[in-house]
């Protein structure tokens, strides 16, 4: 089964990785940034070797995001953001092909052990099963058929 595994963060977290601290987001040293990249590289290599990694990416900082909504006149309304005062957003993800929910949960637990500076806000690692793959037929009511 395929799963989307997501990590969250804020603009303050991205700023902290660049050396600008704020409450809940202490400044990262170069060594701490390198330790995080090393941890993630090792994780990705292990997942690739096991055949479970379909794709994984870190995302650009939240201030580079763009939101597009449908305006009242039917024309799109485009806004930049979110900004530092917003709640957490998607910071990175993996698409994994795992035998079970238990296995992908083991991987998520490993992700939570990524080194970060003391005092950094802890966010959950979110697991969502990807529906509608070859093993399943998507049911619009939210369940699955097949």
Protein backbone atom coordinates (compact mmCIF):
# COMPACT_ATOMS: atom_id res chain seq x y z
CA UNK A 1 0.00 0.00 0.00
CA UNK A 2 1.14 3.52 -0.66
CA UNK A 3 1.29 6.16 2.03
CA UNK A 4 2.00 9.87 2.14
CA UNK A 5 4.21 10.67 5.15
CA UNK A 6 4.34 14.37 5.95
CA UNK A 7 6.43 16.58 8.19
CA UNK A 8 5.28 20.02 9.24
CA UNK A 9 6.94 23.31 10.05
CA UNK A 10 6.45 27.07 10.09
CA UNK A 11 8.15 30.06 8.56
CA UNK A 12 9.76 30.62 11.96
CA UNK A 13 11.29 27.13 11.70
CA UNK A 14 12.68 27.93 8.25
CA UNK A 15 14.08 31.22 9.56
CA UNK A 16 15.68 29.39 12.52
CA UNK A 17 17.46 27.00 10.15
CA UNK A 18 18.95 30.13 8.60
CA UNK A 19 20.14 31.40 11.98
CA UNK A 20 17.21 33.67 12.98
CA UNK A 21 15.67 32.44 16.27
CA UNK A 22 12.18 33.02 17.67
CA UNK A 23 10.16 31.44 20.51
CA UNK A 24 9.90 27.68 19.88
CA UNK A 25 12.38 27.95 17.01
CA UNK A 26 15.96 28.37 18.28
CA UNK A 27 18.65 29.24 15.75
CA UNK A 28 20.31 26.23 14.15
CA UNK A 29 24.09 26.00 13.95
CA UNK A 30 25.73 24.83 10.73
CA UNK A 31 26.57 21.56 12.50
CA UNK A 32 22.90 21.05 13.46
CA UNK A 33 21.75 21.70 9.88
CA UNK A 34 24.33 19.22 8.58
CA UNK A 35 23.26 16.62 11.18
CA UNK A 36 19.64 16.96 10.02
CA UNK A 37 20.64 16.60 6.35
CA UNK A 38 22.81 13.58 7.19
CA UNK A 39 19.94 11.94 9.12
CA UNK A 40 17.48 12.53 6.27
CA UNK A 41 20.00 11.31 3.68
CA UNK A 42 20.55 8.10 5.64
CA UNK A 43 16.80 7.59 6.03
CA UNK A 44 16.20 8.13 2.31
CA UNK A 45 19.04 5.75 1.39
CA UNK A 46 17.62 3.04 3.67
CA UNK A 47 14.13 3.47 2.23
CA UNK A 48 15.49 3.34 -1.33
CA UNK A 49 17.46 0.17 -0.54
CA UNK A 50 14.38 -1.50 0.97
CA UNK A 51 12.33 -0.58 -2.12
CA UNK A 52 9.83 1.40 -0.03
CA UNK A 53 10.75 4.89 -1.24
CA UNK A 54 8.62 6.09 -4.16
CA UNK A 55 9.49 9.78 -3.74
CA UNK A 56 10.48 12.23 -1.05
CA UNK A 57 11.11 15.97 -1.05
CA UNK A 58 11.63 18.90 1.27
CA UNK A 59 9.62 21.96 0.32
CA UNK A 60 10.65 25.60 -0.01
CA UNK A 61 10.03 27.86 2.97
CA UNK A 62 6.38 28.83 3.59
CA UNK A 63 6.86 32.47 2.57
CA UNK A 64 7.36 31.20 -0.99
CA UNK A 65 3.89 29.60 -1.00
CA UNK A 66 1.06 30.91 -3.12
CA UNK A 67 -2.64 30.39 -2.38
CA UNK A 68 -5.18 30.41 -5.20
CA UNK A 69 -8.91 30.73 -4.47
CA UNK A 70 -11.93 31.22 -6.68
CA UNK A 71 -13.08 34.82 -6.46
CA UNK A 72 -16.71 35.92 -6.41
CA UNK A 73 -16.49 36.97 -10.03
CA UNK A 74 -15.09 33.57 -11.02
CA UNK A 75 -11.58 34.92 -11.47
CA UNK A 76 -8.79 33.46 -9.34
CA UNK A 77 -7.62 35.34 -6.25
CA UNK A 78 -3.91 34.76 -5.69
CA UNK A 79 -2.17 35.56 -2.41
CA UNK A 80 1.39 35.03 -1.28
CA UNK A 81 2.17 33.48 2.06
CA UNK A 82 1.63 32.05 4.56
CA UNK A 83 3.77 34.21 6.76
CA UNK A 84 5.60 33.69 10.05
CA UNK A 85 2.54 34.13 12.24
CA UNK A 86 0.64 31.27 10.62
CA UNK A 87 0.36 27.77 11.95
CA UNK A 88 2.39 24.86 10.68
CA UNK A 89 2.33 23.91 7.03
CA UNK A 90 3.70 21.03 5.00
CA UNK A 91 7.51 21.17 5.14
CA UNK A 92 8.36 17.92 3.38
CA UNK A 93 6.99 14.54 2.43
CA UNK A 94 7.68 10.99 1.36
CA UNK A 95 5.53 8.70 -0.75
CA UNK A 96 6.23 5.21 0.56
CA UNK A 97 5.12 1.80 -0.62
CA UNK A 98 4.94 -0.32 2.54
CA UNK A 99 3.46 -3.69 3.41
CA UNK A 100 1.37 -2.34 6.28
CA UNK A 101 0.33 0.61 8.39
CA UNK A 102 2.53 -0.81 11.14
CA UNK A 103 5.62 -0.63 8.90
CA UNK A 104 4.99 2.96 7.80
CA UNK A 105 4.38 3.86 11.47
CA UNK A 106 7.83 2.44 12.30
CA UNK A 107 9.31 4.70 9.63
CA UNK A 108 7.41 7.73 10.99
CA UNK A 109 8.76 6.95 14.48
CA UNK A 110 12.27 6.99 13.02
CA UNK A 111 11.59 10.37 11.41
CA UNK A 112 10.68 11.80 14.84
CA UNK A 113 14.25 11.04 15.97
CA UNK A 114 15.74 13.52 13.49
CA UNK A 115 18.19 15.71 15.40
CA UNK A 116 17.05 19.29 16.06
CA UNK A 117 18.26 22.00 18.45
CA UNK A 118 17.01 21.83 22.04
CA UNK A 119 13.81 23.87 22.45
CA UNK A 120 12.57 23.28 18.90
CA UNK A 121 8.78 22.85 18.62
CA UNK A 122 7.87 19.22 18.01
CA UNK A 123 5.31 18.48 15.29
CA UNK A 124 3.67 15.14 14.57
CA UNK A 125 4.67 13.10 11.55
CA UNK A 126 1.41 12.61 9.64
CA UNK A 127 0.65 9.38 7.77
CA UNK A 128 -2.12 9.22 5.17
CA UNK A 129 -2.87 6.19 3.02
CA UNK A 130 -3.02 7.02 -0.68
CA UNK A 131 -6.34 5.76 -2.02
CA UNK A 132 -7.23 4.63 -5.52
CA UNK A 133 -4.05 2.74 -6.31
CA UNK A 134 -3.94 -0.60 -8.10
CA UNK A 135 -4.91 -2.39 -4.87
CA UNK A 136 -8.01 -0.28 -4.28
CA UNK A 137 -10.88 1.36 -6.05
CA UNK A 138 -11.68 4.76 -4.59
CA UNK A 139 -15.20 5.25 -3.23
CA UNK A 140 -16.33 8.93 -3.19
CA UNK A 141 -18.07 8.38 0.17
CA UNK A 142 -14.63 8.07 1.80
CA UNK A 143 -14.49 4.30 2.03
CA UNK A 144 -12.90 1.89 -0.36
CA UNK A 145 -14.35 -0.78 -2.57
CA UNK A 146 -12.65 -3.87 -3.74
